[in-house]
Protein backbone atom coordinates (compact mmCIF):
# COMPACT_ATOMS: atom_id res chain seq x y z
CA MET A 1 63.79 79.17 72.27
CA ASP A 2 64.24 82.17 74.55
CA ARG A 3 67.66 82.66 76.08
CA LEU A 4 66.28 82.58 79.62
CA LEU A 5 63.80 80.00 80.86
CA PHE A 6 62.30 80.08 84.33
CA GLY A 7 62.35 76.84 86.33
CA ASP A 8 60.22 75.64 89.24
CA ASN A 9 62.58 73.86 91.67
CA GLN A 10 62.27 76.65 94.24
CA PHE A 11 58.50 76.20 94.44
CA PHE A 12 58.74 72.58 95.54
CA GLY A 13 61.63 72.64 97.97
CA VAL A 14 64.42 71.42 95.69
CA ASN A 15 67.90 72.65 96.59
CA HIS A 16 70.88 70.45 95.82
CA MET A 17 73.19 72.12 98.35
CA SER A 18 71.03 72.85 101.40
CA GLU A 19 68.15 70.87 102.89
CA GLU A 20 67.44 73.79 105.21
CA LYS A 21 66.95 76.17 102.30
CA ALA A 22 64.82 73.58 100.53
CA ARG A 23 62.50 73.27 103.54
CA ALA A 24 62.22 77.05 103.87
CA GLN A 25 61.30 77.40 100.21
CA ALA A 26 58.73 74.63 100.42
CA MET A 27 57.08 76.40 103.36
CA ARG A 28 57.17 79.78 101.64
CA PHE A 29 55.48 78.56 98.47
CA GLN A 30 52.62 76.61 100.00
CA SER A 31 50.10 79.07 98.58
CA LEU A 32 49.32 79.62 94.92
CA ASP A 33 49.51 83.39 95.41
CA ALA A 34 53.12 83.08 96.58
CA ILE A 35 54.03 81.10 93.47
CA MET A 36 52.17 83.48 91.18
CA SER A 37 53.91 86.53 92.64
CA VAL A 38 57.28 85.12 91.56
CA LEU A 39 56.01 83.98 88.16
CA ASP A 40 54.55 87.45 87.61
CA ALA A 41 57.92 88.98 88.49
CA ALA A 42 59.63 86.74 85.92
CA TYR A 43 56.99 87.53 83.29
CA ASP A 44 57.31 91.28 83.89
CA ALA A 45 61.12 90.98 83.58
CA GLY A 46 60.69 89.43 80.14
CA VAL A 47 61.18 85.80 81.15
CA THR A 48 57.96 84.44 79.70
CA THR A 49 58.84 80.75 79.29
CA PHE A 50 58.14 78.58 82.32
CA MET A 51 59.95 75.22 82.23
CA CYS A 52 57.97 73.26 84.79
CA THR A 53 57.29 69.78 86.07
CA THR A 54 53.81 68.31 85.91
CA HIS A 55 53.43 68.58 89.69
CA ASP A 56 49.79 68.78 90.77
CA ARG A 57 50.21 72.39 91.88
CA ILE A 58 51.28 73.45 88.39
CA ALA A 59 47.70 72.65 87.35
CA SER A 60 46.60 75.48 89.66
CA VAL A 61 49.07 77.80 87.93
CA THR A 62 47.76 76.90 84.49
CA ASP A 63 44.17 77.32 85.69
CA ARG A 64 45.00 80.79 87.01
CA MET A 65 46.67 81.85 83.78
CA ARG A 66 43.81 80.57 81.64
CA THR A 67 41.44 82.88 83.51
CA ASP A 68 43.43 85.97 82.46
CA PRO A 69 44.64 85.44 78.88
CA GLU A 70 45.36 89.14 78.30
CA ARG A 71 47.70 89.34 81.31
CA TYR A 72 49.56 86.20 80.20
CA GLU A 73 49.35 86.63 76.44
CA LYS A 74 53.07 85.85 75.95
CA GLN A 75 53.28 83.04 78.48
CA VAL A 76 54.83 79.80 77.21
CA PHE A 77 55.14 76.50 79.05
CA TYR A 78 57.78 73.81 78.61
CA PRO A 79 56.25 70.81 80.43
CA CYS A 80 58.72 68.32 81.95
CA MET A 81 57.29 64.88 82.52
CA PRO A 82 56.62 62.61 84.30
CA TYR A 83 56.32 63.77 87.89
CA ALA A 84 56.68 60.29 89.36
CA HIS A 85 55.50 61.06 92.91
CA LYS A 86 52.14 62.14 91.52
CA TYR A 87 51.42 58.65 90.20
CA ALA A 88 52.61 56.93 93.35
CA ASN A 89 50.44 59.16 95.54
CA ALA A 90 47.37 58.69 93.34
CA MET A 91 47.73 54.91 93.42
CA ALA A 92 48.02 54.97 97.21
CA GLU A 93 45.05 57.30 97.71
CA GLU A 94 42.66 56.33 94.90
CA GLY A 95 43.63 52.81 93.94
CA MET A 96 44.56 51.71 90.44
CA PHE A 97 41.25 52.53 88.71
CA GLY A 98 40.83 55.80 90.59
CA ALA A 99 44.30 56.84 89.47
CA ILE A 100 43.49 55.91 85.88
CA ARG A 101 40.30 58.00 85.95
CA GLN A 102 42.21 60.91 87.48
CA PHE A 103 44.90 61.02 84.82
CA LEU A 104 43.07 60.09 81.62
CA PRO A 105 42.77 63.08 79.26
CA ASP A 106 39.33 64.67 78.96
CA GLY A 107 39.49 64.71 75.19
CA GLY A 108 39.34 61.33 73.53
CA LEU A 109 38.55 59.52 76.78
CA MET A 110 37.40 56.38 75.02
CA ASP A 111 40.41 56.39 72.72
CA ALA A 112 42.73 56.78 75.69
CA ALA A 113 41.00 54.01 77.60
CA MET A 114 41.08 51.70 74.59
CA ARG A 115 44.75 52.38 74.01
CA GLY A 116 45.51 51.78 77.66
CA GLY A 117 43.52 48.55 77.75
CA ARG A 118 45.12 47.14 74.63
CA SER A 119 48.55 48.19 75.85
CA LEU A 120 48.20 46.50 79.21
CA ALA A 121 46.79 43.38 77.60
CA LYS A 122 49.60 43.15 75.05
CA LYS A 123 52.32 44.64 77.26
CA ASP A 124 52.64 47.26 74.52
CA ILE A 125 55.13 49.79 75.88
CA GLU A 126 54.48 52.28 73.09
CA GLY A 127 50.75 52.48 73.83
CA ILE A 128 51.26 52.87 77.58
CA THR A 129 53.90 55.54 77.02
CA THR A 130 51.72 57.65 74.72
CA LEU A 131 48.78 57.34 77.10
CA LEU A 132 50.89 58.64 79.99
CA ILE A 133 52.15 61.55 77.87
CA ASP A 134 48.57 62.52 77.10
CA ALA A 135 47.68 62.33 80.79
CA GLU A 136 50.58 64.60 81.70
CA MET A 137 49.66 67.14 79.02
CA LYS A 138 46.08 67.41 80.26
CA MET A 139 46.79 70.38 82.56
CA PHE A 140 48.24 72.45 79.67
CA THR A 141 45.15 72.31 77.45
CA GLY A 142 44.70 75.58 75.57
CA LEU A 143 48.16 76.91 76.52
CA LYS A 144 51.33 77.28 74.45
CA THR A 145 53.59 74.24 74.81
CA PRO A 146 56.03 74.34 71.88
CA VAL A 147 58.62 72.15 73.65
CA VAL A 148 57.93 69.11 75.84
CA PHE A 149 60.64 67.49 77.97
CA LEU A 150 61.18 63.97 79.22
CA GLN A 151 62.46 64.26 82.80
CA ASN A 152 65.97 63.11 83.72
CA VAL A 153 64.71 60.53 86.24
CA VAL A 154 63.20 58.62 83.30
CA VAL A 155 65.79 59.56 80.66
CA ASP A 156 68.71 58.33 82.72
CA PHE A 157 66.85 55.21 83.86
CA LEU A 158 66.17 54.33 80.22
CA LEU A 159 69.80 54.99 79.38
CA GLY A 160 70.90 52.64 82.12
CA MET A 161 68.46 49.97 80.94
CA GLY A 162 69.48 50.40 77.30
CA PHE A 163 65.86 50.99 76.24
CA THR A 164 66.71 53.81 73.87
CA ASP A 165 63.76 53.15 71.56
CA ALA A 166 61.58 54.81 74.21
CA PHE A 167 63.16 58.14 73.23
CA ARG A 168 61.88 57.67 69.67
CA ILE A 169 58.39 56.81 70.95
CA PHE A 170 58.32 59.94 73.09
CA ALA A 171 59.68 62.16 70.32
CA GLU A 172 57.25 60.94 67.67
CA HIS A 173 54.17 61.25 69.88
CA VAL A 174 55.03 64.75 71.12
CA ALA A 175 55.65 65.92 67.56
CA THR A 176 52.57 64.36 65.96
CA ARG A 177 49.95 64.82 68.67
CA TYR A 178 51.03 68.18 70.13
CA ASP A 179 52.95 69.77 67.26
CA ALA A 180 55.75 70.35 69.75
CA GLU A 181 59.47 69.70 69.77
CA PRO A 182 60.54 66.79 71.96
CA ALA A 183 63.31 67.52 74.43
CA PHE A 184 65.27 65.64 77.06
CA ILE A 185 66.77 66.34 80.47
CA THR A 186 69.78 64.29 81.57
CA MET A 187 72.58 64.04 84.08
CA ASN A 188 74.83 62.45 81.44
CA LEU A 189 74.87 64.59 78.31
CA PRO A 190 77.50 62.72 76.24
CA ARG A 191 75.86 59.33 76.75
CA LEU A 192 72.38 60.64 75.94
CA LEU A 193 73.57 62.23 72.70
CA ASP A 194 74.91 58.84 71.61
CA ALA A 195 71.56 57.22 72.43
CA LEU A 196 69.53 59.85 70.57
CA ASP A 197 71.78 59.48 67.53
CA SER A 198 71.21 55.72 67.60
CA VAL A 199 67.42 56.10 67.26
CA GLY A 200 67.55 58.80 64.61
CA ILE A 201 66.68 61.89 66.65
CA VAL A 202 68.44 64.70 64.83
CA ASN A 203 69.59 67.98 66.40
CA PRO A 204 67.78 67.31 69.70
CA ILE A 205 67.04 69.78 72.48
CA VAL A 206 68.91 68.57 75.56
CA CYS A 207 68.96 70.17 79.01
CA SER A 208 71.79 69.23 81.36
CA ASN A 209 73.92 70.65 84.13
CA ILE A 210 76.54 72.95 82.61
CA ASN A 211 78.66 74.99 84.98
CA LYS A 212 82.22 76.10 85.53
CA ILE A 213 83.07 73.62 88.32
CA GLY A 214 81.53 70.49 86.79
CA PHE A 215 78.82 70.24 89.46
CA ARG A 216 76.61 67.17 88.79
CA MET A 217 78.02 66.77 85.27
CA SER A 218 78.26 62.98 84.91
CA GLY A 219 80.97 61.98 82.47
CA GLY A 220 83.15 64.95 83.38
CA ILE A 221 83.25 68.57 82.30
CA ASP A 222 85.70 67.90 79.44
CA SER A 223 83.27 65.52 77.73
CA TYR A 224 80.55 68.17 77.93
CA LEU A 225 82.79 70.82 76.44
CA ASP A 226 83.75 68.43 73.65
CA ALA A 227 80.07 67.82 72.91
CA LEU A 228 79.28 71.53 72.86
CA HIS A 229 82.09 72.16 70.40
CA ASN A 230 81.68 69.16 68.12
CA ARG A 231 78.16 67.71 68.21
CA LYS A 232 74.92 68.86 66.62
CA PHE A 233 72.30 69.51 69.29
CA ARG A 234 70.62 72.43 71.03
CA ALA A 235 71.85 72.78 74.60
CA ILE A 236 69.96 74.20 77.55
CA ALA A 237 72.18 74.82 80.56
CA MET A 238 70.83 74.22 84.05
CA SER A 239 72.55 74.47 87.45
CA VAL A 240 74.77 77.20 86.02
CA TYR A 241 75.25 78.59 89.54
CA ALA A 242 76.03 75.09 90.88
CA SER A 243 73.39 75.63 93.60
CA GLY A 244 75.14 78.77 94.80
CA ALA A 245 78.73 77.54 94.66
CA ILE A 246 79.61 79.98 91.84
CA ARG A 247 79.07 83.73 91.96
CA PRO A 248 76.27 84.71 89.54
CA GLU A 249 78.39 87.07 87.45
CA GLU A 250 81.19 84.51 87.08
CA ALA A 251 78.71 81.73 86.28
CA ILE A 252 76.81 83.61 83.57
CA GLU A 253 79.96 85.01 81.96
CA TRP A 254 81.44 81.49 81.66
CA VAL A 255 78.31 79.85 80.24
CA ALA A 256 77.66 82.72 77.84
CA GLY A 257 81.11 82.16 76.37
CA LEU A 258 80.41 78.55 75.41
CA PRO A 259 79.35 77.48 71.91
CA ASN A 260 76.00 75.88 71.15
CA ILE A 261 74.15 77.09 74.26
CA GLU A 262 70.63 78.07 73.22
CA SER A 263 69.13 78.78 76.64
CA ILE A 264 69.75 78.93 80.36
CA VAL A 265 67.11 77.69 82.79
CA PHE A 266 67.24 79.16 86.27
CA GLY A 267 65.16 79.35 89.39
CA ALA A 268 64.73 82.31 91.70
CA SER A 269 62.54 83.25 94.64
CA SER A 270 62.53 87.04 94.36
CA ARG A 271 62.05 89.80 91.84
CA ALA A 272 65.54 91.13 92.61
CA ASN A 273 67.24 87.83 91.80
CA ILE A 274 65.24 87.42 88.61
CA GLU A 275 66.10 90.92 87.41
CA SER A 276 69.76 90.39 88.34
CA THR A 277 69.95 87.25 86.19
CA VAL A 278 68.28 89.02 83.27
CA GLU A 279 70.77 91.88 83.57
CA LEU A 280 73.76 89.51 83.66
CA VAL A 281 72.57 87.64 80.57
CA ASP A 282 72.04 90.91 78.72
CA ARG A 283 75.55 92.01 79.72
CA TYR A 284 77.51 88.87 78.82
CA TRP A 285 75.52 87.04 76.14
CA HIS A 286 75.98 89.06 72.98
CA SER A 287 76.14 86.54 70.12
């Protein structure tokens, strides 16, 4: 994995510290051209991995990039699924069967439909899960997706429910069907690592909040530091700036000094902020 991954929160009005900033960002990025200008700035700064949700508007991004393969030759996507609002909106607007038609993959339509039908009839969670993964991956057809994430809203729900076998289902399908590494986003790193161990997922890729002040680090910062020092997994740090509560230089220097950090995912709305983060990582992350 690259050391720096570019995230998409800023494009969809997500800011954990300021609703006002979130609204302003959502307004600014209503057009595809506005989103592409920032993605182009990241790409030109050497940040060529886009860790993104499966929001409907990301499909427009992937369509744009497919039309210019030379410009985006190095572009890599790390899809993060599911984007739950998408399903809720489709059900409300199109009805159940309209939503199914909308999200079924183009390739293997009959196979997908058969799997879905059997799964619903037998209440087969594994079949439904793999069908939904295929639906989410539809927008990335023909693009590089070497890592695929299960979103924290689902990961942490499954943790709470104790349905840890779902992690194995996800991991096996992503690996076999897409030749990709399965990965997980969580708000409780220590507890997820225990769950992944219990279902035999070895050396997993896990993205979680990791920052100097313990912002949104469920279980406490000490348990995260213990995991980074003593457990076998590949960590991706998000919210390293704690939504602006930590100065960028201080934040990057602290994270870069931790063991077992493979990557940092960050969001930015301007070329200057992207280039500043790249410069800080180059300065402090030497090993």
